[in-house]
Structure formats: C-alpha cells, structure tokens
Amino acid sequence: MAGFDVNAARAQRLEALGRDWTFELDGDSFQLPTELTRATARTLRGLDDNDVDGLLELLLGEKQFARFERHEVTMQDIAAILEAYGKETGLGLGED
C-alpha cells in the first residue's frame, strides 16, 4: 500500500498555483514564492511581528525589494498585498 506522495502533492500545488505569485505596482511587476522552504519559515519566525520591511525583503529578495522601496506604498497597500497573497497561496502571512 502506497502512502502519501509528497512530491506528487507538491507538483499538484505548483501546477495549480504556479511557482511564483505575482503582483503589479505602478506598472512594475513583483514575484513572491508560492511555497516557502523551512529555512525561510525559520527566518520568518525570527522577525519581529512589526518588521514589515524584513518580511517583504525576505519574500521579495534583495533586488526586488530595492525596486519595491522606490514606490510610495502605504501600510494599507502592503496589507492588501499580503491578504491577497495569503488567500491565493494559503500561506496566510500578515494574519493574526
């Protein structure tokens, strides 16, 4: 009897979601991962709950975060991005 196939489940999730989740801001496109590694999750746990820049830099990566910082973005914008990201990927970042 075969057990749960993690690789098949991962492939199915990635097929449904794609490898990256994207959003657009002022005509500039950004990508966030649809799956987080354990190492990334460990780093997330180490961030202060109010470290929005740390969260975004971790998810976007250094180069994308540098581009993101050039935009005038409100906390409401960031909350909307994280809410949509959580709903579409099931990651639920930025939720209490």
Protein backbone atom coordinates (compact mmCIF):
# COMPACT_ATOMS: atom_id res chain seq x y z
CA MET A 1 0.00 0.00 0.00
CA ALA A 2 1.46 3.34 -1.04
CA GLY A 3 1.48 6.21 1.43
CA PHE A 4 1.08 9.91 0.85
CA ASP A 5 3.28 11.06 -2.04
CA VAL A 6 4.73 14.44 -1.03
CA ASN A 7 6.32 15.03 -4.45
CA ALA A 8 3.03 14.41 -6.25
CA ALA A 9 1.19 16.74 -3.87
CA ARG A 10 3.84 19.44 -4.36
CA ALA A 11 3.65 19.06 -8.14
CA GLN A 12 -0.13 19.38 -7.99
CA ARG A 13 0.08 22.56 -5.85
CA LEU A 14 2.68 24.10 -8.14
CA GLU A 15 0.63 23.22 -11.21
CA ALA A 16 -2.43 24.88 -9.67
CA LEU A 17 -0.63 27.97 -8.33
CA GLY A 18 2.49 28.27 -10.44
CA ARG A 19 5.95 28.64 -8.97
CA ASP A 20 5.56 32.36 -8.22
CA TRP A 21 2.69 34.60 -7.19
CA THR A 22 2.83 37.99 -8.88
CA PHE A 23 1.51 41.45 -8.20
CA GLU A 24 1.81 44.74 -10.02
CA LEU A 25 2.51 48.16 -8.55
CA ASP A 26 2.65 51.30 -10.66
CA GLY A 27 3.41 49.22 -13.77
CA ASP A 28 6.23 47.32 -12.02
CA SER A 29 5.80 43.54 -11.54
CA PHE A 30 6.95 41.60 -8.49
CA GLN A 31 7.03 37.87 -7.71
CA LEU A 32 6.57 36.12 -4.37
CA PRO A 33 7.10 32.39 -3.88
CA THR A 34 4.01 30.20 -3.67
CA GLU A 35 5.85 27.82 -1.35
CA LEU A 36 8.24 28.64 1.49
CA THR A 37 11.20 26.50 2.46
CA ARG A 38 11.75 25.51 6.07
CA ALA A 39 14.79 27.81 6.14
CA THR A 40 12.64 30.76 5.03
CA ALA A 41 9.98 29.88 7.62
CA ARG A 42 12.67 29.73 10.31
CA THR A 43 13.91 33.19 9.28
CA LEU A 44 10.31 34.50 9.31
CA ARG A 45 9.88 33.28 12.89
CA GLY A 46 12.93 35.33 13.87
CA LEU A 47 11.47 38.57 12.53
CA ASP A 48 9.72 40.98 14.85
CA ASP A 49 5.95 40.97 14.25
CA ASN A 50 6.15 44.63 13.18
CA ASP A 51 9.12 44.19 10.80
CA VAL A 52 7.21 44.75 7.57
CA ASP A 53 10.37 45.64 5.63
CA GLY A 54 12.11 42.49 6.87
CA LEU A 55 9.15 40.37 5.78
CA LEU A 56 8.98 41.98 2.36
CA GLU A 57 12.73 41.76 1.80
CA LEU A 58 12.74 38.09 2.76
CA LEU A 59 9.87 37.27 0.39
CA LEU A 60 10.88 39.54 -2.49
CA GLY A 61 14.63 39.07 -2.27
CA GLU A 62 17.19 41.85 -2.17
CA LYS A 63 16.90 43.04 -5.80
CA GLN A 64 13.10 43.09 -5.96
CA PHE A 65 12.90 44.72 -2.53
CA ALA A 66 15.21 47.51 -3.71
CA ARG A 67 12.81 48.14 -6.63
CA PHE A 68 9.79 47.90 -4.31
CA GLU A 69 11.26 50.52 -1.98
CA ARG A 70 11.31 53.08 -4.80
CA HIS A 71 7.49 53.11 -4.80
CA GLU A 72 5.37 55.16 -2.44
CA VAL A 73 3.47 52.38 -0.66
CA THR A 74 1.11 52.67 2.30
CA MET A 75 0.66 50.12 5.06
CA GLN A 76 -2.84 49.55 3.65
CA ASP A 77 -1.27 48.69 0.27
CA ILE A 78 1.04 46.18 1.96
CA ALA A 79 -1.85 44.69 3.96
CA ALA A 80 -3.85 44.27 0.73
CA ILE A 81 -0.89 42.57 -1.00
CA LEU A 82 -0.35 40.19 1.93
CA GLU A 83 -4.07 39.43 2.22
CA ALA A 84 -4.35 38.54 -1.48
CA TYR A 85 -1.11 36.55 -1.29
CA GLY A 86 -2.36 34.59 1.71
CA LYS A 87 -5.75 33.85 0.14
CA GLU A 88 -4.29 32.69 -3.16
CA THR A 89 -1.39 30.66 -1.78
CA GLY A 90 -2.75 29.51 1.56
CA LEU A 91 0.28 30.95 3.38
CA GLY A 92 -1.68 33.46 5.43
CA LEU A 93 1.17 35.90 6.12
CA GLY A 94 0.33 39.06 7.97
CA GLU A 95 -2.66 37.49 9.72
CA ASP A 96 -3.14 37.37 13.48
